[in-house]
Amino acid sequence: MNTTIKTCLLSLVWLSSTMAQAHSPSAHKNHHAPTGAAAPAEQKDWGIAGDPKKVQRTIEVRMTDNMRFTPNLIQVKLGETVRLVAVNAGKVLHEIVIGTPTELKAHAEMMKKHPGMEHDEPYMAHVDPGKKGDIVWTFNRAGNFEFACLIPGHFEAGMIGRITVQ
């Protein structure tokens, strides 16, 4: 094998292991921020990370192995900061990811290619069976958005909910 091919193969192996480690549950907490500092909030089409001290309402969202969310429709007021408590009532891993239908569909396709991928974005929560995860989000953009479980097979089975911001 020539040196160029060996270098390419080693690079691919390194990249794969780096991606796998970067998407492990322990590797993600504020990995973009200096020690002790929170990452700056990034404005998204569906809102921005909320301040936990400014939560106006808490909504529990149950995730089950029948690939459904309860409730599957959430209505919020424009500017409202909400804590979504994702409760995994199932026996398999689930997640909740907020976004636009287009972004969620694209992310679901990426998850098919990288099924072990996990998240640390403030609009995502990966939740082990029997556990809870939180998302604190300020819905500062009006519109119709979605939340979904993007684990391969779950999204395709219809594990999608809707958020209306008025």
C-alpha atoms as a PDB file:
ATOM      1  CA  MET A   1       0.000   0.000   0.000  1.00  0.00           C
ATOM      2  CA  ASN A   2       1.467   3.375  -0.876  1.00  0.00           C
ATOM      3  CA  THR A   3       1.970   6.162   1.658  1.00  0.00           C
ATOM      4  CA  THR A   4      -0.869   8.329   0.349  1.00  0.00           C
ATOM      5  CA  ILE A   5      -3.446   5.552   0.742  1.00  0.00           C
ATOM      6  CA  LYS A   6      -2.137   4.690   4.224  1.00  0.00           C
ATOM      7  CA  THR A   7      -2.339   8.332   5.252  1.00  0.00           C
ATOM      8  CA  CYS A   8      -5.912   8.616   3.953  1.00  0.00           C
ATOM      9  CA  LEU A   9      -6.984   5.445   5.757  1.00  0.00           C
ATOM     10  CA  LEU A  10      -5.379   6.533   9.019  1.00  0.00           C
ATOM     11  CA  SER A  11      -7.051   9.934   8.689  1.00  0.00           C
ATOM     12  CA  LEU A  12     -10.443   8.272   8.209  1.00  0.00           C
ATOM     13  CA  VAL A  13      -9.915   6.034  11.235  1.00  0.00           C
ATOM     14  CA  TRP A  14      -8.871   9.040  13.333  1.00  0.00           C
ATOM     15  CA  LEU A  15     -11.836  11.097  12.122  1.00  0.00           C
ATOM     16  CA  SER A  16     -14.281   8.267  12.854  1.00  0.00           C
ATOM     17  CA  SER A  17     -12.962   7.772  16.380  1.00  0.00           C
ATOM     18  CA  THR A  18     -12.980  11.518  17.023  1.00  0.00           C
ATOM     19  CA  MET A  19     -16.593  11.797  15.846  1.00  0.00           C
ATOM     20  CA  ALA A  20     -17.629   8.832  17.969  1.00  0.00           C
ATOM     21  CA  GLN A  21     -15.968  10.318  21.047  1.00  0.00           C
ATOM     22  CA  ALA A  22     -17.371  13.773  20.347  1.00  0.00           C
ATOM     23  CA  HIS A  23     -20.852  12.323  20.298  1.00  0.00           C
ATOM     24  CA  SER A  24     -20.624  10.346  23.505  1.00  0.00           C
ATOM     25  CA  PRO A  25     -22.866  11.446  26.392  1.00  0.00           C
ATOM     26  CA  SER A  26     -19.943  12.625  28.550  1.00  0.00           C
ATOM     27  CA  ALA A  27     -18.069  14.517  25.856  1.00  0.00           C
ATOM     28  CA  HIS A  28     -20.648  17.163  25.080  1.00  0.00           C
ATOM     29  CA  LYS A  29     -21.383  19.351  28.032  1.00  0.00           C
ATOM     30  CA  ASN A  30     -20.339  22.880  26.983  1.00  0.00           C
ATOM     31  CA  HIS A  31     -17.495  21.586  24.823  1.00  0.00           C
ATOM     32  CA  HIS A  32     -17.473  24.886  22.924  1.00  0.00           C
ATOM     33  CA  ALA A  33     -17.043  26.996  26.052  1.00  0.00           C
ATOM     34  CA  PRO A  34     -14.047  27.644  28.288  1.00  0.00           C
ATOM     35  CA  THR A  35     -14.135  25.834  31.616  1.00  0.00           C
ATOM     36  CA  GLY A  36     -16.900  27.268  33.781  1.00  0.00           C
ATOM     37  CA  ALA A  37     -18.351  29.466  31.027  1.00  0.00           C
ATOM     38  CA  ALA A  38     -21.566  28.881  29.123  1.00  0.00           C
ATOM     39  CA  ALA A  39     -21.515  28.891  25.343  1.00  0.00           C
ATOM     40  CA  PRO A  40     -23.142  31.992  23.852  1.00  0.00           C
ATOM     41  CA  ALA A  41     -26.752  31.507  22.789  1.00  0.00           C
ATOM     42  CA  GLU A  42     -27.279  31.178  19.045  1.00  0.00           C
ATOM     43  CA  GLN A  43     -30.429  32.555  17.436  1.00  0.00           C
ATOM     44  CA  LYS A  44     -32.285  29.899  15.439  1.00  0.00           C
ATOM     45  CA  ASP A  45     -35.342  30.203  13.215  1.00  0.00           C
ATOM     46  CA  TRP A  46     -37.374  28.627  16.041  1.00  0.00           C
ATOM     47  CA  GLY A  47     -35.950  30.706  18.925  1.00  0.00           C
ATOM     48  CA  ILE A  48     -32.941  30.904  21.201  1.00  0.00           C
ATOM     49  CA  ALA A  49     -31.630  29.088  24.281  1.00  0.00           C
ATOM     50  CA  GLY A  50     -33.490  30.334  27.329  1.00  0.00           C
ATOM     51  CA  ASP A  51     -32.303  31.445  30.732  1.00  0.00           C
ATOM     52  CA  PRO A  52     -33.413  28.850  33.323  1.00  0.00           C
ATOM     53  CA  LYS A  53     -34.082  31.708  35.781  1.00  0.00           C
ATOM     54  CA  LYS A  54     -36.639  33.181  33.376  1.00  0.00           C
ATOM     55  CA  VAL A  55     -38.743  30.053  32.737  1.00  0.00           C
ATOM     56  CA  GLN A  56     -42.409  31.020  32.602  1.00  0.00           C
ATOM     57  CA  ARG A  57     -43.845  27.536  32.182  1.00  0.00           C
ATOM     58  CA  THR A  58     -42.757  23.902  32.423  1.00  0.00           C
ATOM     59  CA  ILE A  59     -44.192  21.341  30.019  1.00  0.00           C
ATOM     60  CA  GLU A  60     -43.619  17.621  30.496  1.00  0.00           C
ATOM     61  CA  VAL A  61     -43.291  15.698  27.225  1.00  0.00           C
ATOM     62  CA  ARG A  62     -43.447  11.900  27.529  1.00  0.00           C
ATOM     63  CA  MET A  63     -41.607   9.738  25.009  1.00  0.00           C
ATOM     64  CA  THR A  64     -42.655   6.115  24.599  1.00  0.00           C
ATOM     65  CA  ASP A  65     -41.609   3.077  22.594  1.00  0.00           C
ATOM     66  CA  ASN A  66     -44.760   3.336  20.470  1.00  0.00           C
ATOM     67  CA  MET A  67     -42.807   6.201  18.832  1.00  0.00           C
ATOM     68  CA  ARG A  68     -45.082   8.972  20.064  1.00  0.00           C
ATOM     69  CA  PHE A  69     -44.800  12.118  22.159  1.00  0.00           C
ATOM     70  CA  THR A  70     -47.458  13.144  24.672  1.00  0.00           C
ATOM     71  CA  PRO A  71     -48.461  15.877  24.207  1.00  0.00           C
ATOM     72  CA  ASN A  72     -47.718  16.030  20.503  1.00  0.00           C
ATOM     73  CA  LEU A  73     -48.924  19.627  20.142  1.00  0.00           C
ATOM     74  CA  ILE A  74     -47.556  22.500  22.230  1.00  0.00           C
ATOM     75  CA  GLN A  75     -48.735  26.099  22.008  1.00  0.00           C
ATOM     76  CA  VAL A  76     -46.575  28.918  23.343  1.00  0.00           C
ATOM     77  CA  LYS A  77     -46.746  32.693  23.290  1.00  0.00           C
ATOM     78  CA  LEU A  78     -44.220  34.707  21.322  1.00  0.00           C
ATOM     79  CA  GLY A  79     -41.357  35.570  23.682  1.00  0.00           C
ATOM     80  CA  GLU A  80     -42.239  32.863  26.231  1.00  0.00           C
ATOM     81  CA  THR A  81     -39.409  30.919  27.885  1.00  0.00           C
ATOM     82  CA  VAL A  82     -40.407  27.300  28.409  1.00  0.00           C
ATOM     83  CA  ARG A  83     -38.769  24.357  30.137  1.00  0.00           C
ATOM     84  CA  LEU A  84     -39.527  21.149  28.247  1.00  0.00           C
ATOM     85  CA  VAL A  85     -38.994  18.158  30.511  1.00  0.00           C
ATOM     86  CA  ALA A  86     -38.551  15.149  28.237  1.00  0.00           C
ATOM     87  CA  VAL A  87     -39.489  11.969  30.114  1.00  0.00           C
ATOM     88  CA  ASN A  88     -38.385   8.722  28.500  1.00  0.00           C
ATOM     89  CA  ALA A  89     -41.098   6.307  29.613  1.00  0.00           C
ATOM     90  CA  GLY A  90     -39.809   3.647  27.220  1.00  0.00           C
ATOM     91  CA  LYS A  91     -37.182   0.938  27.325  1.00  0.00           C
ATOM     92  CA  VAL A  92     -35.031   2.332  24.484  1.00  0.00           C
ATOM     93  CA  LEU A  93     -33.095   5.562  24.015  1.00  0.00           C
ATOM     94  CA  HIS A  94     -35.147   8.528  22.760  1.00  0.00           C
ATOM     95  CA  GLU A  95     -34.417  12.172  22.135  1.00  0.00           C
ATOM     96  CA  ILE A  96     -36.240  15.417  21.589  1.00  0.00           C
ATOM     97  CA  VAL A  97     -34.941  17.945  19.080  1.00  0.00           C
ATOM     98  CA  ILE A  98     -36.691  21.242  18.285  1.00  0.00           C
ATOM     99  CA  GLY A  99     -36.456  22.740  14.794  1.00  0.00           C
ATOM    100  CA  THR A 100     -38.082  23.484  11.488  1.00  0.00           C
ATOM    101  CA  PRO A 101     -39.505  20.543   9.532  1.00  0.00           C
ATOM    102  CA  THR A 102     -36.748  20.981   6.915  1.00  0.00           C
ATOM    103  CA  GLU A 103     -33.920  21.053   9.465  1.00  0.00           C
ATOM    104  CA  LEU A 104     -35.294  18.061  11.378  1.00  0.00           C
ATOM    105  CA  LYS A 105     -35.620  16.001   8.208  1.00  0.00           C
ATOM    106  CA  ALA A 106     -32.036  16.831   7.187  1.00  0.00           C
ATOM    107  CA  HIS A 107     -30.754  15.998  10.675  1.00  0.00           C
ATOM    108  CA  ALA A 108     -32.682  12.704  10.662  1.00  0.00           C
ATOM    109  CA  GLU A 109     -30.891  11.770   7.417  1.00  0.00           C
ATOM    110  CA  MET A 110     -27.538  12.579   9.037  1.00  0.00           C
ATOM    111  CA  MET A 111     -28.472  10.427  12.046  1.00  0.00           C
ATOM    112  CA  LYS A 112     -29.031   7.461   9.702  1.00  0.00           C
ATOM    113  CA  LYS A 113     -25.431   7.816   8.520  1.00  0.00           C
ATOM    114  CA  HIS A 114     -24.088   8.299  12.075  1.00  0.00           C
ATOM    115  CA  PRO A 115     -26.486   6.346  14.339  1.00  0.00           C
ATOM    116  CA  GLY A 116     -24.405   6.764  17.516  1.00  0.00           C
ATOM    117  CA  MET A 117     -24.409  10.555  17.272  1.00  0.00           C
ATOM    118  CA  GLU A 118     -25.557  12.417  20.365  1.00  0.00           C
ATOM    119  CA  HIS A 119     -26.127  16.102  20.965  1.00  0.00           C
ATOM    120  CA  ASP A 120     -25.293  18.988  23.220  1.00  0.00           C
ATOM    121  CA  GLU A 121     -27.151  21.798  21.507  1.00  0.00           C
ATOM    122  CA  PRO A 122     -29.583  23.637  23.809  1.00  0.00           C
ATOM    123  CA  TYR A 123     -32.562  22.657  21.624  1.00  0.00           C
ATOM    124  CA  MET A 124     -31.806  18.923  21.940  1.00  0.00           C
ATOM    125  CA  ALA A 125     -31.999  16.353  24.732  1.00  0.00           C
ATOM    126  CA  HIS A 126     -30.836  12.727  24.442  1.00  0.00           C
ATOM    127  CA  VAL A 127     -32.681  10.733  27.142  1.00  0.00           C
ATOM    128  CA  ASP A 128     -31.873   7.233  28.365  1.00  0.00           C
ATOM    129  CA  PRO A 129     -34.744   4.857  29.270  1.00  0.00           C
ATOM    130  CA  GLY A 130     -36.383   5.823  32.558  1.00  0.00           C
ATOM    131  CA  LYS A 131     -34.584   9.196  32.663  1.00  0.00           C
ATOM    132  CA  LYS A 132     -35.472  12.853  32.062  1.00  0.00           C
ATOM    133  CA  GLY A 133     -33.861  15.586  30.019  1.00  0.00           C
ATOM    134  CA  ASP A 134     -34.476  19.335  29.962  1.00  0.00           C
ATOM    135  CA  ILE A 135     -34.589  21.944  27.244  1.00  0.00           C
ATOM    136  CA  VAL A 136     -34.998  25.589  28.239  1.00  0.00           C
ATOM    137  CA  TRP A 137     -35.982  27.558  25.163  1.00  0.00           C
ATOM    138  CA  THR A 138     -37.203  31.068  24.424  1.00  0.00           C
ATOM    139  CA  PHE A 139     -39.623  31.062  21.521  1.00  0.00           C
ATOM    140  CA  ASN A 140     -38.862  34.540  20.158  1.00  0.00           C
ATOM    141  CA  ARG A 141     -39.957  33.769  16.603  1.00  0.00           C
ATOM    142  CA  ALA A 142     -43.599  33.263  15.608  1.00  0.00           C
ATOM    143  CA  GLY A 143     -44.477  30.277  13.475  1.00  0.00           C
ATOM    144  CA  ASN A 144     -45.086  26.560  13.316  1.00  0.00           C
ATOM    145  CA  PHE A 145     -42.179  24.368  14.349  1.00  0.00           C
ATOM    146  CA  GLU A 146     -41.667  20.743  15.271  1.00  0.00           C
ATOM    147  CA  PHE A 147     -39.946  18.533  17.791  1.00  0.00           C
ATOM    148  CA  ALA A 148     -38.874  15.029  16.936  1.00  0.00           C
ATOM    149  CA  CYS A 149     -36.874  11.994  17.939  1.00  0.00           C
ATOM    150  CA  LEU A 150     -34.188  11.691  15.276  1.00  0.00           C
ATOM    151  CA  ILE A 151     -32.822   8.315  16.321  1.00  0.00           C
ATOM    152  CA  PRO A 152     -32.850   6.181  13.164  1.00  0.00           C
ATOM    153  CA  GLY A 153     -36.266   4.610  12.666  1.00  0.00           C
ATOM    154  CA  HIS A 154     -38.031   6.756  15.275  1.00  0.00           C
ATOM    155  CA  PHE A 155     -38.504   9.827  13.076  1.00  0.00           C
ATOM    156  CA  GLU A 156     -39.612   7.624  10.169  1.00  0.00           C
ATOM    157  CA  ALA A 157     -42.148   5.932  12.482  1.00  0.00           C
ATOM    158  CA  GLY A 158     -43.772   9.300  13.136  1.00  0.00           C
ATOM    159  CA  MET A 159     -42.160  10.363  16.420  1.00  0.00           C
ATOM    160  CA  ILE A 160     -42.845  14.029  15.690  1.00  0.00           C
ATOM    161  CA  GLY A 161     -44.715  16.742  17.573  1.00  0.00           C
ATOM    162  CA  ARG A 162     -45.704  20.298  16.702  1.00  0.00           C
ATOM    163  CA  ILE A 163     -45.071  23.652  18.344  1.00  0.00           C
ATOM    164  CA  THR A 164     -47.158  26.693  17.492  1.00  0.00           C
ATOM    165  CA  VAL A 165     -45.735  30.058  18.554  1.00  0.00           C
ATOM    166  CA  GLN A 166     -48.344  32.842  18.468  1.00  0.00           C
END
